[in-house]
C-alpha atoms as a PDB file:
ATOM      1  CA  MET A   1     -42.246  66.001  45.908  1.00  0.00           C
ATOM      2  CA  GLY A   2     -39.529  63.763  47.133  1.00  0.00           C
ATOM      3  CA  THR A   3     -36.213  65.690  47.286  1.00  0.00           C
ATOM      4  CA  VAL A   4     -32.410  63.719  47.306  1.00  0.00           C
ATOM      5  CA  ASP A   5     -29.966  65.652  50.104  1.00  0.00           C
ATOM      6  CA  VAL A   6     -26.129  64.914  48.956  1.00  0.00           C
ATOM      7  CA  GLU A   7     -23.293  65.183  50.642  1.00  0.00           C
ATOM      8  CA  GLN A   8     -20.020  64.657  49.174  1.00  0.00           C
ATOM      9  CA  ARG A   9     -16.969  62.622  51.813  1.00  0.00           C
ATOM     10  CA  GLU A  10     -14.187  63.019  49.434  1.00  0.00           C
ATOM     11  CA  SER A  11     -14.733  60.654  46.530  1.00  0.00           C
ATOM     12  CA  VAL A  12     -18.254  59.755  47.798  1.00  0.00           C
ATOM     13  CA  LEU A  13     -20.924  61.251  47.170  1.00  0.00           C
ATOM     14  CA  ILE A  14     -23.840  60.091  49.000  1.00  0.00           C
ATOM     15  CA  GLY A  15     -27.534  60.712  47.993  1.00  0.00           C
ATOM     16  CA  THR A  16     -30.119  60.362  50.726  1.00  0.00           C
ATOM     17  CA  PHE A  17     -34.148  60.093  49.496  1.00  0.00           C
ATOM     18  CA  ASP A  18     -35.997  62.149  51.689  1.00  0.00           C
ATOM     19  CA  ASN A  19     -40.453  62.898  51.097  1.00  0.00           C
ATOM     20  CA  PRO A  20     -41.440  63.173  54.333  1.00  0.00           C
ATOM     21  CA  PRO A  21     -43.972  60.893  55.572  1.00  0.00           C
ATOM     22  CA  HIS A  22     -44.033  58.472  54.332  1.00  0.00           C
ATOM     23  CA  GLY A  23     -40.786  58.018  52.438  1.00  0.00           C
ATOM     24  CA  LEU A  24     -41.719  57.755  48.814  1.00  0.00           C
ATOM     25  CA  MET A  25     -40.796  57.509  45.320  1.00  0.00           C
ATOM     26  CA  ASP A  26     -42.537  59.752  42.960  1.00  0.00           C
ATOM     27  CA  ARG A  27     -41.451  62.452  40.076  1.00  0.00           C
ATOM     28  CA  GLY A  28     -39.188  64.995  42.598  1.00  0.00           C
ATOM     29  CA  SER A  29     -37.341  61.647  43.560  1.00  0.00           C
ATOM     30  CA  VAL A  30     -36.431  60.431  39.820  1.00  0.00           C
ATOM     31  CA  GLU A  31     -35.716  63.964  38.875  1.00  0.00           C
ATOM     32  CA  ALA A  32     -33.530  64.333  42.164  1.00  0.00           C
ATOM     33  CA  LEU A  33     -31.750  61.109  41.032  1.00  0.00           C
ATOM     34  CA  GLU A  34     -31.199  62.422  37.616  1.00  0.00           C
ATOM     35  CA  ARG A  35     -29.289  65.205  38.475  1.00  0.00           C
ATOM     36  CA  LEU A  36     -27.720  63.221  40.884  1.00  0.00           C
ATOM     37  CA  VAL A  37     -25.972  60.589  38.309  1.00  0.00           C
ATOM     38  CA  ALA A  38     -25.727  63.216  36.134  1.00  0.00           C
ATOM     39  CA  ARG A  39     -23.415  64.859  38.424  1.00  0.00           C
ATOM     40  CA  ALA A  40     -21.309  61.896  39.283  1.00  0.00           C
ATOM     41  CA  GLU A  41     -20.982  61.294  35.536  1.00  0.00           C
ATOM     42  CA  ASP A  42     -18.882  64.620  34.742  1.00  0.00           C
ATOM     43  CA  ASP A  43     -16.942  65.400  37.639  1.00  0.00           C
ATOM     44  CA  ASP A  44     -13.235  63.504  38.014  1.00  0.00           C
ATOM     45  CA  GLY A  45     -13.454  63.590  41.583  1.00  0.00           C
ATOM     46  CA  VAL A  46     -16.192  61.556  42.274  1.00  0.00           C
ATOM     47  CA  ASP A  47     -15.676  57.361  42.294  1.00  0.00           C
ATOM     48  CA  ALA A  48     -18.540  56.130  43.652  1.00  0.00           C
ATOM     49  CA  VAL A  49     -22.298  56.881  45.512  1.00  0.00           C
ATOM     50  CA  VAL A  50     -24.275  55.900  47.996  1.00  0.00           C
ATOM     51  CA  LEU A  51     -28.167  55.702  48.271  1.00  0.00           C
ATOM     52  CA  THR A  52     -30.045  55.966  51.610  1.00  0.00           C
ATOM     53  CA  GLY A  53     -33.260  57.329  53.043  1.00  0.00           C
ATOM     54  CA  SER A  54     -33.635  59.703  55.415  1.00  0.00           C
ATOM     55  CA  HIS A  55     -37.192  57.438  57.090  1.00  0.00           C
ATOM     56  CA  PRO A  56     -36.221  56.380  60.310  1.00  0.00           C
ATOM     57  CA  GLU A  57     -37.922  52.385  58.913  1.00  0.00           C
ATOM     58  CA  ARG A  58     -37.419  52.986  55.194  1.00  0.00           C
ATOM     59  CA  PHE A  59     -35.044  52.974  52.567  1.00  0.00           C
ATOM     60  CA  VAL A  60     -37.506  53.977  50.196  1.00  0.00           C
ATOM     61  CA  ALA A  61     -40.641  52.544  50.534  1.00  0.00           C
ATOM     62  CA  HIS A  62     -42.063  52.358  47.448  1.00  0.00           C
ATOM     63  CA  TYR A  63     -43.160  54.756  43.846  1.00  0.00           C
ATOM     64  CA  ASP A  64     -45.870  56.593  45.190  1.00  0.00           C
ATOM     65  CA  ILE A  65     -49.284  54.677  44.059  1.00  0.00           C
ATOM     66  CA  ALA A  66     -51.770  57.943  44.600  1.00  0.00           C
ATOM     67  CA  GLU A  67     -49.060  59.336  41.162  1.00  0.00           C
ATOM     68  CA  LEU A  68     -49.306  56.031  39.171  1.00  0.00           C
ATOM     69  CA  LEU A  69     -53.107  55.513  39.754  1.00  0.00           C
ATOM     70  CA  ALA A  70     -53.163  59.614  38.467  1.00  0.00           C
ATOM     71  CA  GLY A  71     -51.815  58.127  35.177  1.00  0.00           C
ATOM     72  CA  ALA A  72     -53.744  55.091  35.225  1.00  0.00           C
ATOM     73  CA  ARG A  73     -56.652  57.219  34.849  1.00  0.00           C
ATOM     74  CA  ALA A  74     -55.518  59.668  31.976  1.00  0.00           C
ATOM     75  CA  SER A  75     -54.202  57.453  30.257  1.00  0.00           C
ATOM     76  CA  PRO A  76     -56.259  55.095  27.365  1.00  0.00           C
ATOM     77  CA  THR A  77     -56.176  51.181  27.589  1.00  0.00           C
ATOM     78  CA  VAL A  78     -54.057  49.251  24.810  1.00  0.00           C
ATOM     79  CA  GLY A  79     -52.511  46.140  24.707  1.00  0.00           C
ATOM     80  CA  ALA A  80     -48.562  45.457  24.643  1.00  0.00           C
ATOM     81  CA  GLY A  81     -48.244  45.586  21.392  1.00  0.00           C
ATOM     82  CA  VAL A  82     -49.186  49.592  21.357  1.00  0.00           C
ATOM     83  CA  ALA A  83     -47.665  49.978  24.713  1.00  0.00           C
ATOM     84  CA  ARG A  84     -44.371  48.558  22.753  1.00  0.00           C
ATOM     85  CA  ALA A  85     -44.756  50.721  19.788  1.00  0.00           C
ATOM     86  CA  SER A  86     -45.528  53.435  21.964  1.00  0.00           C
ATOM     87  CA  LEU A  87     -42.564  52.960  24.140  1.00  0.00           C
ATOM     88  CA  ARG A  88     -40.359  52.951  21.136  1.00  0.00           C
ATOM     89  CA  THR A  89     -42.014  56.680  19.575  1.00  0.00           C
ATOM     90  CA  VAL A  90     -41.499  57.974  23.258  1.00  0.00           C
ATOM     91  CA  ALA A  91     -38.302  56.991  23.338  1.00  0.00           C
ATOM     92  CA  ALA A  92     -37.342  58.391  20.046  1.00  0.00           C
ATOM     93  CA  ALA A  93     -38.949  61.988  20.839  1.00  0.00           C
ATOM     94  CA  ARG A  94     -37.024  61.999  23.908  1.00  0.00           C
ATOM     95  CA  ARG A  95     -33.967  62.057  22.128  1.00  0.00           C
ATOM     96  CA  ILE A  96     -34.864  65.786  20.676  1.00  0.00           C
ATOM     97  CA  ARG A  97     -34.361  68.688  23.256  1.00  0.00           C
ATOM     98  CA  GLY A  98     -37.332  69.616  24.737  1.00  0.00           C
ATOM     99  CA  ALA A  99     -39.311  67.024  23.027  1.00  0.00           C
ATOM    100  CA  ASP A 100     -40.848  64.963  26.239  1.00  0.00           C
ATOM    101  CA  ARG A 101     -41.965  68.189  28.044  1.00  0.00           C
ATOM    102  CA  GLY A 102     -44.811  68.261  24.891  1.00  0.00           C
ATOM    103  CA  LEU A 103     -46.150  64.801  25.311  1.00  0.00           C
ATOM    104  CA  GLU A 104     -45.783  65.416  29.651  1.00  0.00           C
ATOM    105  CA  ARG A 105     -49.033  67.312  28.193  1.00  0.00           C
ATOM    106  CA  THR A 106     -50.584  64.221  26.320  1.00  0.00           C
ATOM    107  CA  PRO A 107     -51.910  60.862  27.306  1.00  0.00           C
ATOM    108  CA  LEU A 108     -48.421  59.969  27.067  1.00  0.00           C
ATOM    109  CA  ALA A 109     -47.246  61.906  29.952  1.00  0.00           C
ATOM    110  CA  GLY A 110     -47.044  58.228  31.974  1.00  0.00           C
ATOM    111  CA  LEU A 111     -44.813  56.336  29.980  1.00  0.00           C
ATOM    112  CA  VAL A 112     -42.536  59.789  29.315  1.00  0.00           C
ATOM    113  CA  GLU A 113     -41.918  59.110  33.356  1.00  0.00           C
ATOM    114  CA  LEU A 114     -41.266  55.463  33.366  1.00  0.00           C
ATOM    115  CA  LEU A 115     -38.831  55.981  30.455  1.00  0.00           C
ATOM    116  CA  ARG A 116     -37.083  58.523  32.720  1.00  0.00           C
ATOM    117  CA  PHE A 117     -37.313  56.074  35.539  1.00  0.00           C
ATOM    118  CA  HIS A 118     -35.811  53.281  32.839  1.00  0.00           C
ATOM    119  CA  GLU A 119     -32.869  55.804  31.930  1.00  0.00           C
ATOM    120  CA  VAL A 120     -31.694  57.445  35.135  1.00  0.00           C
ATOM    121  CA  PHE A 121     -30.934  53.335  36.280  1.00  0.00           C
ATOM    122  CA  LEU A 122     -29.631  52.657  32.740  1.00  0.00           C
ATOM    123  CA  ARG A 123     -26.803  55.035  33.049  1.00  0.00           C
ATOM    124  CA  MET A 124     -26.172  54.595  36.819  1.00  0.00           C
ATOM    125  CA  ASN A 125     -25.136  50.766  35.119  1.00  0.00           C
ATOM    126  CA  ARG A 126     -24.058  52.330  31.842  1.00  0.00           C
ATOM    127  CA  CYS A 127     -21.403  54.838  33.881  1.00  0.00           C
ATOM    128  CA  GLY A 128     -17.867  54.901  35.415  1.00  0.00           C
ATOM    129  CA  VAL A 129     -19.458  55.401  38.896  1.00  0.00           C
ATOM    130  CA  VAL A 130     -19.552  52.488  42.118  1.00  0.00           C
ATOM    131  CA  PHE A 131     -23.532  52.970  43.193  1.00  0.00           C
ATOM    132  CA  VAL A 132     -23.758  51.613  46.623  1.00  0.00           C
ATOM    133  CA  ALA A 133     -27.237  50.575  48.723  1.00  0.00           C
ATOM    134  CA  ALA A 134     -27.062  51.437  51.625  1.00  0.00           C
ATOM    135  CA  ILE A 135     -30.462  50.228  52.419  1.00  0.00           C
ATOM    136  CA  ASN A 136     -31.715  51.601  56.145  1.00  0.00           C
ATOM    137  CA  GLY A 137     -34.941  49.913  56.193  1.00  0.00           C
ATOM    138  CA  SER A 138     -37.792  48.132  53.923  1.00  0.00           C
ATOM    139  CA  ALA A 139     -37.704  48.592  50.345  1.00  0.00           C
ATOM    140  CA  GLN A 140     -40.957  47.318  48.295  1.00  0.00           C
ATOM    141  CA  GLY A 141     -41.582  48.009  44.743  1.00  0.00           C
ATOM    142  CA  GLY A 142     -40.006  50.908  43.582  1.00  0.00           C
ATOM    143  CA  GLY A 143     -37.250  50.959  46.400  1.00  0.00           C
ATOM    144  CA  CYS A 144     -36.713  47.330  45.683  1.00  0.00           C
ATOM    145  CA  GLU A 145     -35.862  48.595  42.157  1.00  0.00           C
ATOM    146  CA  LEU A 146     -33.654  51.180  42.805  1.00  0.00           C
ATOM    147  CA  SER A 147     -31.462  48.654  44.479  1.00  0.00           C
ATOM    148  CA  LEU A 148     -31.320  46.545  42.312  1.00  0.00           C
ATOM    149  CA  ALA A 149     -29.542  49.187  39.505  1.00  0.00           C
ATOM    150  CA  CYS A 150     -27.219  49.428  41.955  1.00  0.00           C
ATOM    151  CA  ASP A 151     -23.379  47.170  41.724  1.00  0.00           C
ATOM    152  CA  LEU A 152     -23.972  46.170  45.552  1.00  0.00           C
ATOM    153  CA  ARG A 153     -26.606  46.006  48.437  1.00  0.00           C
ATOM    154  CA  LEU A 154     -25.812  46.507  52.451  1.00  0.00           C
ATOM    155  CA  MET A 155     -28.906  45.813  54.085  1.00  0.00           C
ATOM    156  CA  ALA A 156     -29.359  46.424  57.862  1.00  0.00           C
ATOM    157  CA  ALA A 157     -29.927  44.552  59.882  1.00  0.00           C
ATOM    158  CA  GLY A 158     -34.015  44.713  61.706  1.00  0.00           C
ATOM    159  CA  ASP A 159     -37.544  43.740  61.043  1.00  0.00           C
ATOM    160  CA  HIS A 160     -38.087  45.195  57.690  1.00  0.00           C
ATOM    161  CA  GLY A 161     -38.023  43.866  53.941  1.00  0.00           C
ATOM    162  CA  ILE A 162     -37.492  43.978  50.518  1.00  0.00           C
ATOM    163  CA  GLY A 163     -39.388  42.866  47.765  1.00  0.00           C
ATOM    164  CA  GLN A 164     -41.718  43.656  44.465  1.00  0.00           C
ATOM    165  CA  PRO A 165     -45.151  43.712  46.042  1.00  0.00           C
ATOM    166  CA  GLU A 166     -47.496  44.799  42.722  1.00  0.00           C
ATOM    167  CA  ILE A 167     -48.929  42.188  42.203  1.00  0.00           C
ATOM    168  CA  PHE A 168     -51.653  42.981  44.918  1.00  0.00           C
ATOM    169  CA  LEU A 169     -52.201  45.744  43.179  1.00  0.00           C
ATOM    170  CA  ALA A 170     -52.669  43.820  39.946  1.00  0.00           C
ATOM    171  CA  PHE A 171     -49.835  44.586  37.597  1.00  0.00           C
ATOM    172  CA  PRO A 172     -46.450  43.583  37.605  1.00  0.00           C
ATOM    173  CA  PRO A 173     -43.321  45.663  38.602  1.00  0.00           C
ATOM    174  CA  GLY A 174     -42.254  48.033  36.124  1.00  0.00           C
ATOM    175  CA  GLY A 175     -38.780  49.774  37.175  1.00  0.00           C
ATOM    176  CA  GLY A 176     -36.584  46.938  36.147  1.00  0.00           C
ATOM    177  CA  GLY A 177     -38.297  45.178  39.145  1.00  0.00           C
ATOM    178  CA  THR A 178     -39.267  42.093  36.704  1.00  0.00           C
ATOM    179  CA  GLN A 179     -35.688  41.916  34.582  1.00  0.00           C
ATOM    180  CA  ARG A 180     -32.244  42.606  37.290  1.00  0.00           C
ATOM    181  CA  LEU A 181     -34.305  39.924  39.736  1.00  0.00           C
ATOM    182  CA  THR A 182     -34.086  37.575  36.529  1.00  0.00           C
ATOM    183  CA  ARG A 183     -30.138  38.720  35.782  1.00  0.00           C
ATOM    184  CA  LEU A 184     -29.388  38.717  39.459  1.00  0.00           C
ATOM    185  CA  LEU A 185     -31.114  35.819  40.618  1.00  0.00           C
ATOM    186  CA  GLY A 186     -32.417  33.740  37.430  1.00  0.00           C
ATOM    187  CA  SER A 187     -35.676  33.418  36.243  1.00  0.00           C
ATOM    188  CA  ALA A 188     -37.284  30.488  39.046  1.00  0.00           C
ATOM    189  CA  LYS A 189     -36.292  32.771  41.736  1.00  0.00           C
ATOM    190  CA  ALA A 190     -36.754  35.977  40.862  1.00  0.00           C
ATOM    191  CA  LEU A 191     -40.647  34.567  39.643  1.00  0.00           C
ATOM    192  CA  LYS A 192     -41.439  32.951  43.366  1.00  0.00           C
ATOM    193  CA  VAL A 193     -40.265  36.063  44.129  1.00  0.00           C
ATOM    194  CA  VAL A 194     -42.794  38.670  41.973  1.00  0.00           C
ATOM    195  CA  LEU A 195     -45.117  36.365  42.012  1.00  0.00           C
ATOM    196  CA  ASP A 196     -45.307  35.748  46.031  1.00  0.00           C
ATOM    197  CA  GLY A 197     -45.223  39.389  46.390  1.00  0.00           C
ATOM    198  CA  THR A 198     -44.742  38.960  50.151  1.00  0.00           C
ATOM    199  CA  PRO A 199     -41.019  41.080  51.760  1.00  0.00           C
ATOM    200  CA  LEU A 200     -38.184  39.159  52.396  1.00  0.00           C
ATOM    201  CA  SER A 201     -36.437  39.553  55.511  1.00  0.00           C
ATOM    202  CA  PRO A 202     -32.795  41.284  55.238  1.00  0.00           C
ATOM    203  CA  GLU A 203     -31.282  37.805  56.335  1.00  0.00           C
ATOM    204  CA  GLU A 204     -34.126  36.222  53.546  1.00  0.00           C
ATOM    205  CA  ALA A 205     -32.884  38.612  51.106  1.00  0.00           C
ATOM    206  CA  ALA A 206     -29.145  37.717  51.328  1.00  0.00           C
ATOM    207  CA  GLU A 207     -29.312  33.969  51.866  1.00  0.00           C
ATOM    208  CA  LEU A 208     -31.970  34.433  48.190  1.00  0.00           C
ATOM    209  CA  GLY A 209     -28.855  36.692  47.190  1.00  0.00           C
ATOM    210  CA  LEU A 210     -31.342  39.544  46.200  1.00  0.00           C
ATOM    211  CA  ILE A 211     -28.730  40.961  48.658  1.00  0.00           C
ATOM    212  CA  ASP A 212     -25.431  40.847  49.297  1.00  0.00           C
ATOM    213  CA  ARG A 213     -24.684  41.425  52.717  1.00  0.00           C
ATOM    214  CA  VAL A 214     -26.805  42.155  56.054  1.00  0.00           C
ATOM    215  CA  VAL A 215     -24.534  45.017  57.631  1.00  0.00           C
ATOM    216  CA  PRO A 216     -25.822  45.445  61.621  1.00  0.00           C
ATOM    217  CA  PRO A 217     -27.681  49.357  61.550  1.00  0.00           C
ATOM    218  CA  GLY A 218     -25.304  51.439  63.623  1.00  0.00           C
ATOM    219  CA  GLU A 219     -22.991  50.698  61.112  1.00  0.00           C
ATOM    220  CA  LEU A 220     -24.883  50.406  58.019  1.00  0.00           C
ATOM    221  CA  LEU A 221     -23.691  53.867  56.385  1.00  0.00           C
ATOM    222  CA  GLU A 222     -19.755  53.636  57.410  1.00  0.00           C
ATOM    223  CA  THR A 223     -19.962  49.903  55.926  1.00  0.00           C
ATOM    224  CA  ALA A 224     -21.163  51.154  52.765  1.00  0.00           C
ATOM    225  CA  ILE A 225     -18.622  54.441  52.003  1.00  0.00           C
ATOM    226  CA  ALA A 226     -15.595  52.367  53.225  1.00  0.00           C
ATOM    227  CA  GLU A 227     -16.953  49.896  50.090  1.00  0.00           C
ATOM    228  CA  ALA A 228     -18.064  52.218  47.922  1.00  0.00           C
ATOM    229  CA  ARG A 229     -14.373  54.311  48.132  1.00  0.00           C
ATOM    230  CA  ARG A 230     -12.650  50.725  47.522  1.00  0.00           C
ATOM    231  CA  LEU A 231     -14.489  49.479  44.317  1.00  0.00           C
ATOM    232  CA  GLY A 232     -14.048  53.180  43.024  1.00  0.00           C
ATOM    233  CA  ALA A 233     -10.811  53.207  43.667  1.00  0.00           C
ATOM    234  CA  ARG A 234     -10.550  50.737  40.443  1.00  0.00           C
ATOM    235  CA  PRO A 235      -9.364  52.535  37.053  1.00  0.00           C
ATOM    236  CA  THR A 236     -13.052  54.520  35.906  1.00  0.00           C
ATOM    237  CA  ALA A 237     -12.860  53.373  32.189  1.00  0.00           C
ATOM    238  CA  ALA A 238     -12.505  49.724  33.514  1.00  0.00           C
ATOM    239  CA  ILE A 239     -15.263  50.013  36.098  1.00  0.00           C
ATOM    240  CA  ALA A 240     -17.749  51.453  33.249  1.00  0.00           C
ATOM    241  CA  ALA A 241     -16.428  48.707  30.456  1.00  0.00           C
ATOM    242  CA  ALA A 242     -17.371  46.081  32.453  1.00  0.00           C
ATOM    243  CA  LYS A 243     -20.071  46.913  34.529  1.00  0.00           C
ATOM    244  CA  ARG A 244     -21.756  47.569  30.557  1.00  0.00           C
ATOM    245  CA  ALA A 245     -20.507  44.098  29.552  1.00  0.00           C
ATOM    246  CA  ILE A 246     -22.350  42.403  32.625  1.00  0.00           C
ATOM    247  CA  TYR A 247     -25.616  44.920  32.532  1.00  0.00           C
ATOM    248  CA  GLU A 248     -25.668  44.778  28.771  1.00  0.00           C
ATOM    249  CA  GLY A 249     -23.512  42.075  27.292  1.00  0.00           C
ATOM    250  CA  GLY A 250     -24.079  39.483  30.111  1.00  0.00           C
ATOM    251  CA  SER A 251     -28.418  39.040  28.816  1.00  0.00           C
ATOM    252  CA  LEU A 252     -27.361  38.761  24.605  1.00  0.00           C
ATOM    253  CA  PRO A 253     -26.531  35.242  23.087  1.00  0.00           C
ATOM    254  CA  LEU A 254     -23.270  34.307  23.826  1.00  0.00           C
ATOM    255  CA  SER A 255     -21.808  35.257  20.230  1.00  0.00           C
ATOM    256  CA  ASP A 256     -23.213  38.687  20.776  1.00  0.00           C
ATOM    257  CA  GLY A 257     -22.145  39.111  24.398  1.00  0.00           C
ATOM    258  CA  LEU A 258     -18.747  37.769  23.445  1.00  0.00           C
ATOM    259  CA  ARG A 259     -18.225  40.517  21.211  1.00  0.00           C
ATOM    260  CA  PHE A 260     -19.697  42.992  22.852  1.00  0.00           C
ATOM    261  CA  GLU A 261     -17.399  41.746  25.800  1.00  0.00           C
ATOM    262  CA  ALA A 262     -14.341  42.225  23.283  1.00  0.00           C
ATOM    263  CA  SER A 263     -16.096  45.750  22.153  1.00  0.00           C
ATOM    264  CA  GLN A 264     -15.171  46.575  25.821  1.00  0.00           C
ATOM    265  CA  LEU A 265     -12.170  45.552  26.094  1.00  0.00           C
ATOM    266  CA  THR A 266     -10.642  47.073  22.996  1.00  0.00           C
ATOM    267  CA  THR A 267     -11.605  50.335  23.917  1.00  0.00           C
ATOM    268  CA  THR A 268     -10.218  50.151  27.286  1.00  0.00           C
ATOM    269  CA  LEU A 269      -6.894  48.376  26.678  1.00  0.00           C
ATOM    270  CA  THR A 270      -5.227  50.861  24.911  1.00  0.00           C
ATOM    271  CA  ALA A 271      -6.129  53.648  27.427  1.00  0.00           C
ATOM    272  CA  PRO A 272      -2.715  55.098  28.754  1.00  0.00           C
ATOM    273  CA  GLU A 273      -4.066  53.843  32.373  1.00  0.00           C
ATOM    274  CA  ALA A 274      -4.293  50.928  30.865  1.00  0.00           C
ATOM    275  CA  ILE A 275      -0.844  50.819  29.267  1.00  0.00           C
ATOM    276  CA  ARG A 276       0.699  52.460  32.668  1.00  0.00           C
ATOM    277  CA  ALA A 277      -0.554  49.631  34.590  1.00  0.00           C
ATOM    278  CA  MET A 278       0.569  46.799  32.360  1.00  0.00           C
ATOM    279  CA  GLU A 279       4.216  48.163  32.483  1.00  0.00           C
ATOM    280  CA  ALA A 280       3.879  48.198  35.987  1.00  0.00           C
ATOM    281  CA  TYR A 281       3.262  44.080  36.192  1.00  0.00           C
ATOM    282  CA  VAL A 282       5.735  43.657  33.369  1.00  0.00           C
ATOM    283  CA  ASP A 283       8.475  45.982  34.998  1.00  0.00           C
ATOM    284  CA  GLN A 284       8.154  44.191  38.371  1.00  0.00           C
ATOM    285  CA  LEU A 285       7.322  40.697  36.901  1.00  0.00           C
ATOM    286  CA  GLU A 286      10.768  42.016  35.005  1.00  0.00           C
ATOM    287  CA  ARG A 287      12.237  42.834  38.552  1.00  0.00           C
ATOM    288  CA  THR A 288      11.267  40.311  40.647  1.00  0.00           C
ATOM    289  CA  GLY A 289      10.668  37.401  38.534  1.00  0.00           C
ATOM    290  CA  GLU A 290       7.327  36.668  40.099  1.00  0.00           C
ATOM    291  CA  LEU A 291       3.736  37.016  38.260  1.00  0.00           C
ATOM    292  CA  PRO A 292       2.867  40.070  40.852  1.00  0.00           C
ATOM    293  CA  LEU A 293      -1.010  38.523  40.691  1.00  0.00           C
ATOM    294  CA  TYR A 294       0.413  35.598  42.116  1.00  0.00           C
ATOM    295  CA  ASP A 295       2.453  37.769  45.386  1.00  0.00           C
ATOM    296  CA  PRO A 296       0.086  38.292  48.536  1.00  0.00           C
ATOM    297  CA  GLU A 297       1.702  41.217  49.177  1.00  0.00           C
ATOM    298  CA  THR A 298       1.208  42.722  46.033  1.00  0.00           C
ATOM    299  CA  ILE A 299      -2.586  41.833  45.868  1.00  0.00           C
ATOM    300  CA  GLU A 300      -3.081  43.355  49.611  1.00  0.00           C
ATOM    301  CA  ARG A 301      -1.362  46.498  48.538  1.00  0.00           C
ATOM    302  CA  VAL A 302      -2.819  46.670  44.458  1.00  0.00           C
ATOM    303  CA  ALA A 303      -6.528  45.732  46.144  1.00  0.00           C
ATOM    304  CA  ALA A 304      -6.327  48.854  48.577  1.00  0.00           C
ATOM    305  CA  GLU A 305      -5.421  51.276  45.981  1.00  0.00           C
ATOM    306  CA  GLY A 306      -7.594  49.646  42.880  1.00  0.00           C
ATOM    307  CA  HIS A 307      -5.084  49.604  40.381  1.00  0.00           C
ATOM    308  CA  PHE A 308      -1.140  48.544  39.334  1.00  0.00           C
ATOM    309  CA  GLU A 309       1.580  51.615  39.317  1.00  0.00           C
END
């Protein structure tokens, strides 16, 4: 079973996926990631998380196909409508403490694991901690989907690739790949990545917008930690609100998305840290007669510190 080894450097947690010999993602990996996300959510001393892999050539190879095959053989063949209804049933059961353990001994066991996979990624998207993928090698299938669930993706230069190869196994991505790729790239580019199935080089992925930056291998982890620390220094509640507004509100119809955005603004605007920051801004404006957000020195300072004070 895969594990995630956790190290803390000041306010940044570094989670390293480890599952020799192939670097696969499996049930153990997802459960370990779930524990890491819970720690990040609950620990006020954690501002950011960097995820990377221990395999010398891979970030996370892909989800364990043998595990998927075993689940497929144990599950009945159903249509899309029945599958959606079953997913709603399992989702409702998971909200009852311990109920999903009973489902793990039924044909719905595979859906339990799929929903756990989805939910841990959604928690990453909703919390006030910044997640950075330090993609140290190839990342396909579930490995690519893990990186897509992060807020920033840095990839080591080299002879490796990233993508969604599920089409070659006669099924589509199921860990969020179709949905997050569409939101990140648009439907046309996302469909090409999924239907093509072949991995993209780091440079191709950066040009497409799938990753944010290609970094020399020897600099990857330290660069990712520095970026995580910098972005994680922003106010936690504001980070969480911004992430929810973009990840969840951004896929709604415009009028609904605007209301969702307004709800996130309303919940943070009256918080003590927002009041303090706005007071500091107004005080500086009254003291200098210049708008602080147009002052280069102020912008440099605030960008480094993460907030007005």
